[in-house]
PDB file of N, CA and C in Angstrom:
ATOM      1  N   MET A   1      74.349  92.423 105.038  1.00  0.00           N
ATOM      2  CA  MET A   1      75.445  92.841 106.389  1.00  0.00           C
ATOM      3  C   MET A   1      74.421  93.015 107.351  1.00  0.00           C
ATOM      4  N   LEU A   2      74.877  91.679 108.499  1.00  0.00           N
ATOM      5  CA  LEU A   2      74.896  91.957 109.489  1.00  0.00           C
ATOM      6  C   LEU A   2      76.325  92.652 110.292  1.00  0.00           C
ATOM      7  N   THR A   3      75.773  93.379 111.757  1.00  0.00           N
ATOM      8  CA  THR A   3      76.243  94.145 112.479  1.00  0.00           C
ATOM      9  C   THR A   3      76.503  93.363 114.455  1.00  0.00           C
ATOM     10  N   PRO A   4      76.319  93.967 115.042  1.00  0.00           N
ATOM     11  CA  PRO A   4      76.750  92.300 116.390  1.00  0.00           C
ATOM     12  C   PRO A   4      75.790  93.486 116.460  1.00  0.00           C
ATOM     13  N   ASN A   5      75.519  93.939 117.135  1.00  0.00           N
ATOM     14  CA  ASN A   5      73.892  94.408 116.963  1.00  0.00           C
ATOM     15  C   ASN A   5      72.080  93.490 116.777  1.00  0.00           C
ATOM     16  N   ASN A   6      72.280  92.853 115.203  1.00  0.00           N
ATOM     17  CA  ASN A   6      71.627  92.235 115.176  1.00  0.00           C
ATOM     18  C   ASN A   6      70.594  93.170 114.216  1.00  0.00           C
ATOM     19  N   VAL A   7      71.332  94.795 113.966  1.00  0.00           N
ATOM     20  CA  VAL A   7      70.435  95.670 112.589  1.00  0.00           C
ATOM     21  C   VAL A   7      70.928  94.921 111.144  1.00  0.00           C
ATOM     22  N   ASP A   8      69.932  95.395 110.539  1.00  0.00           N
ATOM     23  CA  ASP A   8      70.773  94.732 109.278  1.00  0.00           C
ATOM     24  C   ASP A   8      70.525  96.090 108.853  1.00  0.00           C
ATOM     25  N   ILE A   9      71.804  95.993 108.527  1.00  0.00           N
ATOM     26  CA  ILE A   9      72.504  97.174 107.927  1.00  0.00           C
ATOM     27  C   ILE A   9      72.643  96.197 105.864  1.00  0.00           C
ATOM     28  N   GLN A  10      72.290  97.256 104.888  1.00  0.00           N
ATOM     29  CA  GLN A  10      71.742  97.312 103.709  1.00  0.00           C
ATOM     30  C   GLN A  10      72.807  98.007 102.652  1.00  0.00           C
ATOM     31  N   PHE A  11      72.941  97.745 102.172  1.00  0.00           N
ATOM     32  CA  PHE A  11      74.356  98.818 101.082  1.00  0.00           C
ATOM     33  C   PHE A  11      73.928  98.383  99.246  1.00  0.00           C
ATOM     34  N   GLU A  12      74.365  99.240  98.881  1.00  0.00           N
ATOM     35  CA  GLU A  12      73.526  99.532  97.296  1.00  0.00           C
ATOM     36  C   GLU A  12      74.807 100.035  96.810  1.00  0.00           C
ATOM     37  N   GLN A  13      75.625  99.857  95.406  1.00  0.00           N
ATOM     38  CA  GLN A  13      76.713 100.761  95.244  1.00  0.00           C
ATOM     39  C   GLN A  13      75.793 100.696  93.718  1.00  0.00           C
ATOM     40  N   SER A  14      76.258 101.908  93.276  1.00  0.00           N
ATOM     41  CA  SER A  14      76.208 102.193  91.572  1.00  0.00           C
ATOM     42  C   SER A  14      77.292 103.061  91.033  1.00  0.00           C
ATOM     43  N   GLY A  15      78.197 101.864  90.695  1.00  0.00           N
ATOM     44  CA  GLY A  15      79.084 102.887  89.688  1.00  0.00           C
ATOM     45  C   GLY A  15      80.717 103.672  91.216  1.00  0.00           C
ATOM     46  N   ALA A  16      80.780 105.026  91.915  1.00  0.00           N
ATOM     47  CA  ALA A  16      81.977 104.954  91.720  1.00  0.00           C
ATOM     48  C   ALA A  16      80.797 105.729  93.004  1.00  0.00           C
ATOM     49  N   LYS A  17      79.085 106.018  93.137  1.00  0.00           N
ATOM     50  CA  LYS A  17      78.886 106.007  94.125  1.00  0.00           C
ATOM     51  C   LYS A  17      77.697 105.081  95.179  1.00  0.00           C
ATOM     52  N   GLY A  18      77.462 105.142  96.487  1.00  0.00           N
ATOM     53  CA  GLY A  18      77.186 103.684  97.412  1.00  0.00           C
ATOM     54  C   GLY A  18      77.038 104.141  98.756  1.00  0.00           C
ATOM     55  N   ALA A  19      75.381 103.391  99.273  1.00  0.00           N
ATOM     56  CA  ALA A  19      75.795 103.890 100.413  1.00  0.00           C
ATOM     57  C   ALA A  19      75.100 103.285 101.516  1.00  0.00           C
ATOM     58  N   PHE A  20      75.562 102.768 102.671  1.00  0.00           N
ATOM     59  CA  PHE A  20      75.175 101.514 103.917  1.00  0.00           C
ATOM     60  C   PHE A  20      73.998 102.150 104.414  1.00  0.00           C
ATOM     61  N   PHE A  21      72.778 101.925 104.832  1.00  0.00           N
ATOM     62  CA  PHE A  21      71.406 102.671 105.744  1.00  0.00           C
ATOM     63  C   PHE A  21      70.763 101.057 105.722  1.00  0.00           C
ATOM     64  N   ILE A  22      69.890 101.682 106.299  1.00  0.00           N
ATOM     65  CA  ILE A  22      68.901 100.798 107.956  1.00  0.00           C
ATOM     66  C   ILE A  22      67.375 101.141 107.283  1.00  0.00           C
ATOM     67  N   ARG A  23      66.752 100.397 107.108  1.00  0.00           N
ATOM     68  CA  ARG A  23      65.340 100.769 106.337  1.00  0.00           C
ATOM     69  C   ARG A  23      64.543 100.349 107.547  1.00  0.00           C
ATOM     70  N   GLY A  24      63.667 101.128 107.420  1.00  0.00           N
ATOM     71  CA  GLY A  24      62.705 100.005 108.537  1.00  0.00           C
ATOM     72  C   GLY A  24      61.116 101.239 107.976  1.00  0.00           C
ATOM     73  N   ASP A  25      59.893 100.983 108.052  1.00  0.00           N
ATOM     74  CA  ASP A  25      58.674 101.610 107.804  1.00  0.00           C
ATOM     75  C   ASP A  25      58.424 101.828 106.250  1.00  0.00           C
ATOM     76  N   SER A  26      59.891 101.745 104.920  1.00  0.00           N
ATOM     77  CA  SER A  26      59.876 100.869 103.572  1.00  0.00           C
ATOM     78  C   SER A  26      60.483 102.325 103.408  1.00  0.00           C
ATOM     79  N   MET A  27      61.524 102.792 104.421  1.00  0.00           N
ATOM     80  CA  MET A  27      62.049 104.525 103.944  1.00  0.00           C
ATOM     81  C   MET A  27      63.322 104.270 105.187  1.00  0.00           C
ATOM     82  N   ARG A  28      63.785 105.293 103.915  1.00  0.00           N
ATOM     83  CA  ARG A  28      66.010 104.753 105.119  1.00  0.00           C
ATOM     84  C   ARG A  28      65.537 105.648 106.593  1.00  0.00           C
ATOM     85  N   LEU A  29      65.811 105.139 107.173  1.00  0.00           N
ATOM     86  CA  LEU A  29      65.592 105.115 109.055  1.00  0.00           C
ATOM     87  C   LEU A  29      67.515 105.970 108.966  1.00  0.00           C
ATOM     88  N   ALA A  30      68.588 105.341 108.123  1.00  0.00           N
ATOM     89  CA  ALA A  30      69.515 105.823 108.924  1.00  0.00           C
ATOM     90  C   ALA A  30      70.603 105.842 107.590  1.00  0.00           C
ATOM     91  N   GLU A  31      71.500 106.984 107.519  1.00  0.00           N
ATOM     92  CA  GLU A  31      72.074 106.045 105.633  1.00  0.00           C
ATOM     93  C   GLU A  31      73.421 106.754 105.598  1.00  0.00           C
ATOM     94  N   MET A  32      74.785 106.639 105.458  1.00  0.00           N
ATOM     95  CA  MET A  32      75.980 107.421 105.423  1.00  0.00           C
ATOM     96  C   MET A  32      76.792 106.925 103.375  1.00  0.00           C
ATOM     97  N   THR A  33      76.380 108.018 102.653  1.00  0.00           N
ATOM     98  CA  THR A  33      76.716 106.777 101.417  1.00  0.00           C
ATOM     99  C   THR A  33      78.272 107.721 101.830  1.00  0.00           C
ATOM    100  N   PHE A  34      79.155 107.138 100.296  1.00  0.00           N
ATOM    101  CA  PHE A  34      80.431 107.355  99.638  1.00  0.00           C
ATOM    102  C   PHE A  34      80.689 107.368  98.591  1.00  0.00           C
ATOM    103  N   SER A  35      82.214 107.261  98.990  1.00  0.00           N
ATOM    104  CA  SER A  35      82.219 107.644  96.806  1.00  0.00           C
ATOM    105  C   SER A  35      83.394 106.706  96.439  1.00  0.00           C
ATOM    106  N   MET A  36      83.954 106.326  95.535  1.00  0.00           N
ATOM    107  CA  MET A  36      85.610 105.176  95.656  1.00  0.00           C
ATOM    108  C   MET A  36      86.374 106.235  94.842  1.00  0.00           C
ATOM    109  N   ALA A  37      87.005 106.815  95.523  1.00  0.00           N
ATOM    110  CA  ALA A  37      87.958 106.111  94.824  1.00  0.00           C
ATOM    111  C   ALA A  37      88.863 105.701  94.007  1.00  0.00           C
ATOM    112  N   GLY A  38      89.071 105.549  93.123  1.00  0.00           N
ATOM    113  CA  GLY A  38      89.549 104.747  91.810  1.00  0.00           C
ATOM    114  C   GLY A  38      89.391 103.315  92.728  1.00  0.00           C
ATOM    115  N   ASP A  39      89.816 101.832  93.135  1.00  0.00           N
ATOM    116  CA  ASP A  39      89.248 100.757  93.713  1.00  0.00           C
ATOM    117  C   ASP A  39      89.989 100.823  94.590  1.00  0.00           C
ATOM    118  N   ARG A  40      90.700 101.505  95.314  1.00  0.00           N
ATOM    119  CA  ARG A  40      91.225 100.360  97.462  1.00  0.00           C
ATOM    120  C   ARG A  40      90.921 101.476  97.405  1.00  0.00           C
ATOM    121  N   LEU A  41      90.125 102.729  97.561  1.00  0.00           N
ATOM    122  CA  LEU A  41      89.703 103.709  98.455  1.00  0.00           C
ATOM    123  C   LEU A  41      88.123 104.592  98.297  1.00  0.00           C
ATOM    124  N   LEU A  42      87.520 104.408  99.776  1.00  0.00           N
ATOM    125  CA  LEU A  42      86.404 104.859 100.019  1.00  0.00           C
ATOM    126  C   LEU A  42      86.159 105.775 100.963  1.00  0.00           C
ATOM    127  N   ILE A  43      85.312 106.426 100.405  1.00  0.00           N
ATOM    128  CA  ILE A  43      85.222 107.822 100.730  1.00  0.00           C
ATOM    129  C   ILE A  43      84.383 108.292 101.413  1.00  0.00           C
ATOM    130  N   ILE A  44      83.768 108.060 103.306  1.00  0.00           N
ATOM    131  CA  ILE A  44      83.142 108.740 103.527  1.00  0.00           C
ATOM    132  C   ILE A  44      82.257 110.006 103.643  1.00  0.00           C
ATOM    133  N   ASP A  45      81.572 110.190 102.624  1.00  0.00           N
ATOM    134  CA  ASP A  45      80.885 111.918 103.079  1.00  0.00           C
ATOM    135  C   ASP A  45      79.624 111.939 103.489  1.00  0.00           C
ATOM    136  N   HIS A  46      78.642 111.047 104.220  1.00  0.00           N
ATOM    137  CA  HIS A  46      77.894 112.143 104.429  1.00  0.00           C
ATOM    138  C   HIS A  46      76.956 111.190 106.104  1.00  0.00           C
ATOM    139  N   THR A  47      75.979 111.006 106.389  1.00  0.00           N
ATOM    140  CA  THR A  47      75.925 110.432 107.936  1.00  0.00           C
ATOM    141  C   THR A  47      74.637 111.329 108.338  1.00  0.00           C
ATOM    142  N   GLU A  48      73.219 110.321 108.407  1.00  0.00           N
ATOM    143  CA  GLU A  48      72.675 110.946 108.212  1.00  0.00           C
ATOM    144  C   GLU A  48      71.284 110.101 109.235  1.00  0.00           C
ATOM    145  N   VAL A  49      70.770 110.626 110.354  1.00  0.00           N
ATOM    146  CA  VAL A  49      70.688 109.406 110.736  1.00  0.00           C
ATOM    147  C   VAL A  49      69.201 110.073 111.044  1.00  0.00           C
ATOM    148  N   SER A  50      68.302 109.340 111.298  1.00  0.00           N
ATOM    149  CA  SER A  50      66.978 109.869 111.136  1.00  0.00           C
ATOM    150  C   SER A  50      66.041 109.978 112.451  1.00  0.00           C
ATOM    151  N   ASP A  51      64.923 110.934 113.431  1.00  0.00           N
ATOM    152  CA  ASP A  51      64.500 110.884 114.508  1.00  0.00           C
ATOM    153  C   ASP A  51      64.621 109.881 115.405  1.00  0.00           C
ATOM    154  N   ALA A  52      64.437 109.204 114.570  1.00  0.00           N
ATOM    155  CA  ALA A  52      63.463 107.706 114.954  1.00  0.00           C
ATOM    156  C   ALA A  52      64.447 107.139 115.824  1.00  0.00           C
ATOM    157  N   LEU A  53      65.650 106.618 115.258  1.00  0.00           N
ATOM    158  CA  LEU A  53      66.703 106.084 115.263  1.00  0.00           C
ATOM    159  C   LEU A  53      68.124 106.767 116.128  1.00  0.00           C
ATOM    160  N   ARG A  54      68.056 108.280 116.180  1.00  0.00           N
ATOM    161  CA  ARG A  54      68.930 109.209 117.148  1.00  0.00           C
ATOM    162  C   ARG A  54      69.006 108.922 118.368  1.00  0.00           C
ATOM    163  N   GLY A  55      70.201 108.460 118.633  1.00  0.00           N
ATOM    164  CA  GLY A  55      70.530 108.591 120.195  1.00  0.00           C
ATOM    165  C   GLY A  55      70.765 106.603 119.695  1.00  0.00           C
ATOM    166  N   LYS A  56      70.338 106.479 119.289  1.00  0.00           N
ATOM    167  CA  LYS A  56      71.131 104.871 119.369  1.00  0.00           C
ATOM    168  C   LYS A  56      71.505 103.781 118.399  1.00  0.00           C
ATOM    169  N   GLY A  57      72.700 104.505 118.364  1.00  0.00           N
ATOM    170  CA  GLY A  57      73.946 104.654 117.933  1.00  0.00           C
ATOM    171  C   GLY A  57      73.678 103.852 116.505  1.00  0.00           C
ATOM    172  N   ALA A  58      72.658 103.872 115.182  1.00  0.00           N
ATOM    173  CA  ALA A  58      72.981 103.781 114.672  1.00  0.00           C
ATOM    174  C   ALA A  58      73.967 104.661 113.690  1.00  0.00           C
ATOM    175  N   GLY A  59      74.268 105.746 113.920  1.00  0.00           N
ATOM    176  CA  GLY A  59      75.301 106.222 112.972  1.00  0.00           C
ATOM    177  C   GLY A  59      76.977 105.399 113.469  1.00  0.00           C
ATOM    178  N   LYS A  60      77.139 105.056 114.080  1.00  0.00           N
ATOM    179  CA  LYS A  60      77.926 104.291 114.409  1.00  0.00           C
ATOM    180  C   LYS A  60      77.975 102.575 113.745  1.00  0.00           C
ATOM    181  N   GLN A  61      76.745 102.297 113.869  1.00  0.00           N
ATOM    182  CA  GLN A  61      77.269 100.681 112.847  1.00  0.00           C
ATOM    183  C   GLN A  61      77.090 101.090 111.733  1.00  0.00           C
ATOM    184  N   LEU A  62      76.073 102.118 111.269  1.00  0.00           N
ATOM    185  CA  LEU A  62      76.917 102.485 109.942  1.00  0.00           C
ATOM    186  C   LEU A  62      78.374 102.024 109.270  1.00  0.00           C
ATOM    187  N   VAL A  63      79.006 103.230 110.914  1.00  0.00           N
ATOM    188  CA  VAL A  63      80.430 103.363 109.706  1.00  0.00           C
ATOM    189  C   VAL A  63      81.311 102.076 110.474  1.00  0.00           C
ATOM    190  N   GLU A  64      80.750 101.111 110.936  1.00  0.00           N
ATOM    191  CA  GLU A  64      81.661 100.110 111.373  1.00  0.00           C
ATOM    192  C   GLU A  64      81.300  98.653 110.555  1.00  0.00           C
ATOM    193  N   ALA A  65      79.648  99.214 110.141  1.00  0.00           N
ATOM    194  CA  ALA A  65      79.909  98.211 108.303  1.00  0.00           C
ATOM    195  C   ALA A  65      80.273  98.818 107.487  1.00  0.00           C
ATOM    196  N   ALA A  66      80.920  99.809 107.403  1.00  0.00           N
ATOM    197  CA  ALA A  66      81.424 100.402 106.503  1.00  0.00           C
ATOM    198  C   ALA A  66      83.267  99.578 106.243  1.00  0.00           C
ATOM    199  N   VAL A  67      83.876  99.664 107.462  1.00  0.00           N
ATOM    200  CA  VAL A  67      84.258  99.380 108.865  1.00  0.00           C
ATOM    201  C   VAL A  67      84.709  97.940 108.254  1.00  0.00           C
ATOM    202  N   LEU A  68      84.429  97.468 108.632  1.00  0.00           N
ATOM    203  CA  LEU A  68      83.723  95.377 108.676  1.00  0.00           C
ATOM    204  C   LEU A  68      83.806  95.425 106.763  1.00  0.00           C
ATOM    205  N   TYR A  69      83.087  95.732 105.883  1.00  0.00           N
ATOM    206  CA  TYR A  69      83.884  95.628 104.030  1.00  0.00           C
ATOM    207  C   TYR A  69      85.016  96.192 104.011  1.00  0.00           C
ATOM    208  N   ALA A  70      85.569  97.328 104.464  1.00  0.00           N
ATOM    209  CA  ALA A  70      86.824  97.884 103.871  1.00  0.00           C
ATOM    210  C   ALA A  70      87.660  97.109 103.910  1.00  0.00           C
ATOM    211  N   ARG A  71      87.924  96.222 105.149  1.00  0.00           N
ATOM    212  CA  ARG A  71      88.410  94.890 105.596  1.00  0.00           C
ATOM    213  C   ARG A  71      88.409  94.571 104.885  1.00  0.00           C
ATOM    214  N   GLU A  72      87.453  92.942 104.824  1.00  0.00           N
ATOM    215  CA  GLU A  72      86.646  92.201 103.363  1.00  0.00           C
ATOM    216  C   GLU A  72      87.479  92.484 102.167  1.00  0.00           C
ATOM    217  N   LYS A  73      87.038  93.473 101.771  1.00  0.00           N
ATOM    218  CA  LYS A  73      87.665  94.100 100.158  1.00  0.00           C
ATOM    219  C   LYS A  73      88.618  93.835  99.902  1.00  0.00           C
ATOM    220  N   LYS A  74      89.059  94.817 101.706  1.00  0.00           N
ATOM    221  CA  LYS A  74      91.331  95.092 101.212  1.00  0.00           C
ATOM    222  C   LYS A  74      91.105  96.695 101.348  1.00  0.00           C
ATOM    223  N   LEU A  75      89.783  97.666 100.926  1.00  0.00           N
ATOM    224  CA  LEU A  75      90.225  98.680 101.052  1.00  0.00           C
ATOM    225  C   LEU A  75      90.954  99.789 102.413  1.00  0.00           C
ATOM    226  N   LYS A  76      91.580 101.166 102.292  1.00  0.00           N
ATOM    227  CA  LYS A  76      91.311 101.967 103.079  1.00  0.00           C
ATOM    228  C   LYS A  76      90.000 103.004 102.955  1.00  0.00           C
ATOM    229  N   VAL A  77      89.778 103.200 104.363  1.00  0.00           N
ATOM    230  CA  VAL A  77      88.513 104.395 104.509  1.00  0.00           C
ATOM    231  C   VAL A  77      88.960 105.148 104.035  1.00  0.00           C
ATOM    232  N   MET A  78      88.338 106.947 104.180  1.00  0.00           N
ATOM    233  CA  MET A  78      88.907 108.240 104.352  1.00  0.00           C
ATOM    234  C   MET A  78      87.407 109.283 104.014  1.00  0.00           C
ATOM    235  N   PRO A  79      87.444 109.290 106.144  1.00  0.00           N
ATOM    236  CA  PRO A  79      86.212 109.893 106.612  1.00  0.00           C
ATOM    237  C   PRO A  79      85.871 111.211 106.419  1.00  0.00           C
ATOM    238  N   LEU A  80      85.473 111.923 105.321  1.00  0.00           N
ATOM    239  CA  LEU A  80      84.810 113.558 104.942  1.00  0.00           C
ATOM    240  C   LEU A  80      84.367 113.741 105.721  1.00  0.00           C
ATOM    241  N   CYS A  81      83.444 112.981 106.738  1.00  0.00           N
ATOM    242  CA  CYS A  81      82.071 113.247 107.655  1.00  0.00           C
ATOM    243  C   CYS A  81      82.239 113.378 108.736  1.00  0.00           C
ATOM    244  N   PRO A  82      81.822 115.120 109.249  1.00  0.00           N
ATOM    245  CA  PRO A  82      82.198 114.584 110.593  1.00  0.00           C
ATOM    246  C   PRO A  82      82.140 113.931 111.349  1.00  0.00           C
ATOM    247  N   PHE A  83      80.643 113.020 111.592  1.00  0.00           N
ATOM    248  CA  PHE A  83      80.199 112.007 112.006  1.00  0.00           C
ATOM    249  C   PHE A  83      80.844 111.096 111.395  1.00  0.00           C
ATOM    250  N   ALA A  84      82.054 110.718 110.906  1.00  0.00           N
ATOM    251  CA  ALA A  84      82.113 109.302 110.872  1.00  0.00           C
ATOM    252  C   ALA A  84      84.150 109.494 110.761  1.00  0.00           C
ATOM    253  N   LYS A  85      84.422 111.298 110.755  1.00  0.00           N
ATOM    254  CA  LYS A  85      85.606 110.404 111.513  1.00  0.00           C
ATOM    255  C   LYS A  85      85.693 111.146 112.862  1.00  0.00           C
ATOM    256  N   ALA A  86      85.149 111.860 113.240  1.00  0.00           N
ATOM    257  CA  ALA A  86      84.860 111.197 115.460  1.00  0.00           C
ATOM    258  C   ALA A  86      84.409 110.221 115.520  1.00  0.00           C
ATOM    259  N   VAL A  87      83.738 109.047 114.950  1.00  0.00           N
ATOM    260  CA  VAL A  87      84.156 107.745 114.989  1.00  0.00           C
ATOM    261  C   VAL A  87      85.065 107.222 115.378  1.00  0.00           C
ATOM    262  N   PHE A  88      86.388 107.741 113.411  1.00  0.00           N
ATOM    263  CA  PHE A  88      87.410 106.933 113.732  1.00  0.00           C
ATOM    264  C   PHE A  88      88.273 107.316 114.153  1.00  0.00           C
ATOM    265  N   GLU A  89      88.031 108.453 114.753  1.00  0.00           N
ATOM    266  CA  GLU A  89      89.688 109.448 116.108  1.00  0.00           C
ATOM    267  C   GLU A  89      89.102 108.205 117.752  1.00  0.00           C
ATOM    268  N   LYS A  90      87.665 108.256 117.231  1.00  0.00           N
ATOM    269  CA  LYS A  90      87.570 107.193 118.927  1.00  0.00           C
ATOM    270  C   LYS A  90      87.474 106.207 118.983  1.00  0.00           C
ATOM    271  N   THR A  91      88.001 105.772 117.849  1.00  0.00           N
ATOM    272  CA  THR A  91      87.386 104.211 118.181  1.00  0.00           C
ATOM    273  C   THR A  91      89.238 103.579 117.511  1.00  0.00           C
ATOM    274  N   LYS A  92      89.751 102.827 118.139  1.00  0.00           N
ATOM    275  CA  LYS A  92      90.888 103.385 117.460  1.00  0.00           C
ATOM    276  C   LYS A  92      90.928 101.650 116.302  1.00  0.00           C
ATOM    277  N   SER A  93      90.479 100.561 117.213  1.00  0.00           N
ATOM    278  CA  SER A  93      89.943  99.465 116.328  1.00  0.00           C
ATOM    279  C   SER A  93      89.888  99.658 114.760  1.00  0.00           C
ATOM    280  N   TYR A  94      89.346 100.491 114.396  1.00  0.00           N
ATOM    281  CA  TYR A  94      89.198 100.614 113.306  1.00  0.00           C
ATOM    282  C   TYR A  94      90.519 100.918 112.421  1.00  0.00           C
ATOM    283  N   HIS A  95      91.969 101.466 113.074  1.00  0.00           N
ATOM    284  CA  HIS A  95      92.448 102.020 112.457  1.00  0.00           C
ATOM    285  C   HIS A  95      93.789 102.176 111.477  1.00  0.00           C
ATOM    286  N   ASP A  96      93.172 100.504 111.184  1.00  0.00           N
ATOM    287  CA  ASP A  96      93.630  99.419 110.815  1.00  0.00           C
ATOM    288  C   ASP A  96      93.735  99.794 108.650  1.00  0.00           C
ATOM    289  N   VAL A  97      92.086 100.352 108.912  1.00  0.00           N
ATOM    290  CA  VAL A  97      91.953 100.569 107.541  1.00  0.00           C
ATOM    291  C   VAL A  97      91.928 102.445 107.050  1.00  0.00           C
ATOM    292  N   LEU A  98      91.989 103.487 107.935  1.00  0.00           N
ATOM    293  CA  LEU A  98      91.914 104.263 107.943  1.00  0.00           C
ATOM    294  C   LEU A  98      93.318 105.033 106.728  1.00  0.00           C
ATOM    295  N   ASP A  99      92.619 105.019 106.572  1.00  0.00           N
ATOM    296  CA  ASP A  99      93.922 106.638 104.983  1.00  0.00           C
ATOM    297  C   ASP A  99      94.751 106.936 105.407  1.00  0.00           C
ATOM    298  N   LEU A 100      96.459 106.909 105.463  1.00  0.00           N
ATOM    299  CA  LEU A 100      96.299 108.255 106.375  1.00  0.00           C
ATOM    300  C   LEU A 100      97.259 109.574 105.592  1.00  0.00           C
TER     301      LEU A 100
END
């Protein structure tokens, strides 16, 4: 999965749990985890960015990856994570996937 800034965002899912993440030096430098509620609601529950990527937009890119994924899979997103919730509040173009 690619974002506009050409950062390689990876995706994994096992059952109802999953993550979007950025890997570097054989470790995760940024990660946003989610849970699926049913087959149509993606709940973002945590975002964490390492000091190496802090302030470089990595967290926002993870949220964008989730939005692109939700649009592709026709899902709604519920951002419970305070960071993701703030990104959704500031980015009106993401509101099409927001679970109201």
